[in-house]
C-alpha atoms as a PDB file:
ATOM      1  CA  MET A   1     -11.486  20.478  29.650  1.00  0.00           C
ATOM      2  CA  ARG A   2     -10.468  17.346  31.542  1.00  0.00           C
ATOM      3  CA  SER A   3     -13.478  15.352  30.305  1.00  0.00           C
ATOM      4  CA  TRP A   4     -12.695  16.414  26.747  1.00  0.00           C
ATOM      5  CA  LEU A   5      -9.120  15.081  27.055  1.00  0.00           C
ATOM      6  CA  ILE A   6     -10.368  11.829  28.569  1.00  0.00           C
ATOM      7  CA  GLY A   7     -12.817  11.421  25.672  1.00  0.00           C
ATOM      8  CA  LEU A   8     -10.027  12.091  23.178  1.00  0.00           C
ATOM      9  CA  ALA A   9      -7.748   9.536  24.879  1.00  0.00           C
ATOM     10  CA  VAL A  10     -10.512   6.915  24.906  1.00  0.00           C
ATOM     11  CA  GLY A  11     -11.234   7.561  21.224  1.00  0.00           C
ATOM     12  CA  ALA A  12      -7.546   7.215  20.317  1.00  0.00           C
ATOM     13  CA  ALA A  13      -7.260   4.009  22.362  1.00  0.00           C
ATOM     14  CA  LEU A  14     -10.318   2.543  20.612  1.00  0.00           C
ATOM     15  CA  LEU A  15      -8.865   3.443  17.220  1.00  0.00           C
ATOM     16  CA  VAL A  16      -5.552   1.733  17.997  1.00  0.00           C
ATOM     17  CA  LEU A  17      -7.399  -1.271  19.406  1.00  0.00           C
ATOM     18  CA  SER A  18      -9.507  -1.555  16.243  1.00  0.00           C
ATOM     19  CA  TRP A  19      -6.334  -1.465  14.117  1.00  0.00           C
ATOM     20  CA  ALA A  20      -4.828  -4.242  16.228  1.00  0.00           C
ATOM     21  CA  VAL A  21      -7.965  -6.364  15.805  1.00  0.00           C
ATOM     22  CA  LEU A  22      -7.912  -5.813  12.037  1.00  0.00           C
ATOM     23  CA  VAL A  23      -4.240  -6.836  11.843  1.00  0.00           C
ATOM     24  CA  LEU A  24      -4.941  -9.994  13.833  1.00  0.00           C
ATOM     25  CA  LEU A  25      -7.928 -10.847  11.642  1.00  0.00           C
ATOM     26  CA  ALA A  26      -5.932 -10.189   8.457  1.00  0.00           C
ATOM     27  CA  ARG A  27      -3.272 -12.660   9.591  1.00  0.00           C
ATOM     28  CA  ARG A  28      -5.940 -15.344   9.938  1.00  0.00           C
ATOM     29  CA  LEU A  29      -7.164 -14.963   6.355  1.00  0.00           C
ATOM     30  CA  PRO A  30      -6.762 -18.099   4.242  1.00  0.00           C
ATOM     31  CA  PRO A  31      -4.343 -17.944   1.305  1.00  0.00           C
ATOM     32  CA  GLY A  32      -5.926 -16.354  -1.729  1.00  0.00           C
ATOM     33  CA  ILE A  33      -7.028 -13.036  -3.137  1.00  0.00           C
ATOM     34  CA  LEU A  34      -8.319 -11.608   0.163  1.00  0.00           C
ATOM     35  CA  ARG A  35      -5.019 -12.262   1.892  1.00  0.00           C
ATOM     36  CA  ASP A  36      -3.154 -10.747  -1.073  1.00  0.00           C
ATOM     37  CA  LEU A  37      -5.319  -7.607  -0.912  1.00  0.00           C
ATOM     38  CA  ALA A  38      -4.871  -7.310   2.863  1.00  0.00           C
ATOM     39  CA  GLY A  39      -1.091  -7.283   2.405  1.00  0.00           C
ATOM     40  CA  PHE A  40      -1.053  -5.176  -0.745  1.00  0.00           C
ATOM     41  CA  ILE A  41      -0.927  -1.678   0.742  1.00  0.00           C
ATOM     42  CA  PRO A  42       1.761  -2.457   3.373  1.00  0.00           C
ATOM     43  CA  ALA A  43       3.854  -4.178   0.683  1.00  0.00           C
ATOM     44  CA  CYS A  44       3.396  -1.148  -1.590  1.00  0.00           C
ATOM     45  CA  VAL A  45       4.531   1.243   1.131  1.00  0.00           C
ATOM     46  CA  THR A  46       7.680  -0.832   1.681  1.00  0.00           C
ATOM     47  CA  THR A  47       8.307  -0.994  -2.072  1.00  0.00           C
ATOM     48  CA  VAL A  48       7.898   2.784  -2.409  1.00  0.00           C
ATOM     49  CA  ARG A  49      10.415   3.344   0.368  1.00  0.00           C
ATOM     50  CA  ARG A  50      12.943   0.936  -1.176  1.00  0.00           C
ATOM     51  CA  LEU A  51      12.588   2.201  -4.762  1.00  0.00           C
ATOM     52  CA  ARG A  52      12.810   5.835  -3.681  1.00  0.00           C
ATOM     53  CA  LYS A  53      16.345   5.172  -2.413  1.00  0.00           C
ATOM     54  CA  ASP A  54      17.490   2.945  -5.291  1.00  0.00           C
ATOM     55  CA  PRO A  55      19.911   4.689  -7.715  1.00  0.00           C
ATOM     56  CA  ARG A  56      18.808   2.418 -10.602  1.00  0.00           C
ATOM     57  CA  VAL A  57      15.326   3.977 -10.589  1.00  0.00           C
ATOM     58  CA  PRO A  58      14.951   6.969 -12.969  1.00  0.00           C
ATOM     59  CA  ARG A  59      13.727  10.302 -11.620  1.00  0.00           C
ATOM     60  CA  ARG A  60      10.318  10.110 -13.379  1.00  0.00           C
ATOM     61  CA  ALA A  61       9.613   6.703 -11.880  1.00  0.00           C
ATOM     62  CA  LYS A  62      10.658   7.965  -8.432  1.00  0.00           C
ATOM     63  CA  ILE A  63       8.236  10.882  -8.734  1.00  0.00           C
ATOM     64  CA  ALA A  64       5.374   8.516  -9.652  1.00  0.00           C
ATOM     65  CA  ILE A  65       6.295   6.160  -6.818  1.00  0.00           C
ATOM     66  CA  VAL A  66       6.551   8.952  -4.230  1.00  0.00           C
ATOM     67  CA  PHE A  67       3.204  10.353  -5.436  1.00  0.00           C
ATOM     68  CA  ALA A  68       1.622   6.932  -4.900  1.00  0.00           C
ATOM     69  CA  GLY A  69       3.170   6.685  -1.444  1.00  0.00           C
ATOM     70  CA  LEU A  70       1.860  10.119  -0.486  1.00  0.00           C
ATOM     71  CA  TRP A  71      -1.573   9.193  -1.848  1.00  0.00           C
ATOM     72  CA  VAL A  72      -1.695   6.111   0.382  1.00  0.00           C
ATOM     73  CA  ALA A  73      -0.515   8.072   3.437  1.00  0.00           C
ATOM     74  CA  SER A  74      -2.894  10.983   2.822  1.00  0.00           C
ATOM     75  CA  PRO A  75      -6.066  11.102   4.894  1.00  0.00           C
ATOM     76  CA  ILE A  76      -7.913  12.626   1.924  1.00  0.00           C
ATOM     77  CA  ASP A  77      -9.345   9.962  -0.381  1.00  0.00           C
ATOM     78  CA  LEU A  78     -11.748   9.760  -3.273  1.00  0.00           C
ATOM     79  CA  ILE A  79     -13.479   6.872  -1.493  1.00  0.00           C
ATOM     80  CA  PRO A  80     -13.519   7.097   2.332  1.00  0.00           C
ATOM     81  CA  GLU A  81     -11.477   4.346   4.000  1.00  0.00           C
ATOM     82  CA  PHE A  82     -14.207   3.414   6.471  1.00  0.00           C
ATOM     83  CA  LEU A  83     -16.385   1.946   3.701  1.00  0.00           C
ATOM     84  CA  PRO A  84     -15.932  -1.830   3.781  1.00  0.00           C
ATOM     85  CA  VAL A  85     -14.282  -3.494   0.784  1.00  0.00           C
ATOM     86  CA  ILE A  86     -14.275  -0.443  -1.513  1.00  0.00           C
ATOM     87  CA  GLY A  87     -12.624   1.962   0.962  1.00  0.00           C
ATOM     88  CA  PRO A  88      -9.008   1.178   0.040  1.00  0.00           C
ATOM     89  CA  LEU A  89      -9.869   0.763  -3.646  1.00  0.00           C
ATOM     90  CA  ASP A  90      -8.627   4.214  -4.720  1.00  0.00           C
ATOM     91  CA  ASP A  91      -5.323   3.609  -2.897  1.00  0.00           C
ATOM     92  CA  ILE A  92      -4.888   0.260  -4.620  1.00  0.00           C
ATOM     93  CA  VAL A  93      -5.641   1.700  -8.067  1.00  0.00           C
ATOM     94  CA  VAL A  94      -3.235   4.649  -7.675  1.00  0.00           C
ATOM     95  CA  VAL A  95      -0.430   2.432  -6.368  1.00  0.00           C
ATOM     96  CA  ALA A  96      -1.033  -0.163  -9.077  1.00  0.00           C
ATOM     97  CA  LEU A  97      -0.866   2.495 -11.805  1.00  0.00           C
ATOM     98  CA  ALA A  98       2.329   3.976 -10.333  1.00  0.00           C
ATOM     99  CA  LEU A  99       3.966   0.550 -10.112  1.00  0.00           C
ATOM    100  CA  ARG A 100       2.969  -0.279 -13.686  1.00  0.00           C
ATOM    101  CA  TYR A 101       4.440   3.042 -14.820  1.00  0.00           C
ATOM    102  CA  ALA A 102       7.646   2.344 -12.879  1.00  0.00           C
ATOM    103  CA  GLY A 103       7.642  -1.191 -14.274  1.00  0.00           C
ATOM    104  CA  ARG A 104       8.052   0.190 -17.780  1.00  0.00           C
ATOM    105  CA  GLN A 105      11.117   2.238 -16.765  1.00  0.00           C
ATOM    106  CA  VAL A 106      12.777   0.091 -14.122  1.00  0.00           C
ATOM    107  CA  PRO A 107      14.204  -3.388 -14.680  1.00  0.00           C
ATOM    108  CA  ARG A 108      11.791  -6.033 -13.439  1.00  0.00           C
ATOM    109  CA  GLU A 109      14.491  -7.521 -11.207  1.00  0.00           C
ATOM    110  CA  VAL A 110      14.771  -4.218  -9.313  1.00  0.00           C
ATOM    111  CA  LEU A 111      11.008  -4.114  -8.709  1.00  0.00           C
ATOM    112  CA  LEU A 112      10.901  -7.734  -7.609  1.00  0.00           C
ATOM    113  CA  ALA A 113      13.830  -7.183  -5.234  1.00  0.00           C
ATOM    114  CA  ALA A 114      12.033  -4.200  -3.654  1.00  0.00           C
ATOM    115  CA  TRP A 115       8.699  -6.049  -3.313  1.00  0.00           C
ATOM    116  CA  PRO A 116       8.376  -7.700   0.131  1.00  0.00           C
ATOM    117  CA  GLY A 117       5.157  -9.558  -0.647  1.00  0.00           C
ATOM    118  CA  GLU A 118       4.327 -12.525  -2.795  1.00  0.00           C
ATOM    119  CA  PRO A 119       6.203 -12.119  -6.134  1.00  0.00           C
ATOM    120  CA  ALA A 120       3.291 -13.634  -8.078  1.00  0.00           C
ATOM    121  CA  LEU A 121       1.061 -10.720  -7.049  1.00  0.00           C
ATOM    122  CA  LEU A 122       3.532  -8.167  -8.419  1.00  0.00           C
ATOM    123  CA  GLU A 123       3.993 -10.246 -11.576  1.00  0.00           C
ATOM    124  CA  ARG A 124       0.203 -10.199 -12.114  1.00  0.00           C
ATOM    125  CA  LEU A 125       0.147  -6.451 -11.536  1.00  0.00           C
ATOM    126  CA  LEU A 126       2.988  -5.715 -13.953  1.00  0.00           C
ATOM    127  CA  GLY A 127       1.759  -8.069 -16.655  1.00  0.00           C
ATOM    128  CA  PRO A 128       3.944 -10.055 -19.036  1.00  0.00           C
ATOM    129  CA  PRO A 129       7.532  -8.818 -19.493  1.00  0.00           C
ATOM    130  CA  ARG A 130       8.089  -6.566 -22.491  1.00  0.00           C
ATOM    131  CA  ARG A 131      10.605  -7.700 -25.070  1.00  0.00           C
END
């Protein structure tokens, strides 16, 4: 039993260490699309949390946003996360669709205020403002 617990602790430590290495490597990415993609999911999680609490966001948009947040947090994915490059693709697509849906119901200023990342990335995602 003791060796099993030691193995589990070593595995958990290696997992946390690999996450730390990935975060450090992501911070060294040059400006551009790769850096935007590396920061996309964390920015989406922050946006979901902020919009969920905002009273200006309609109930339907909140449901879509919370669904996207749960999808990102869920360990069950259509494409496994460990696959390089395409692993987080299903998370990005679901979050992008939820934000576009919310973008049609929520004023653009509210979405931009909730977005912690580069505003140009969210503007590209939402598309041109509707008139």
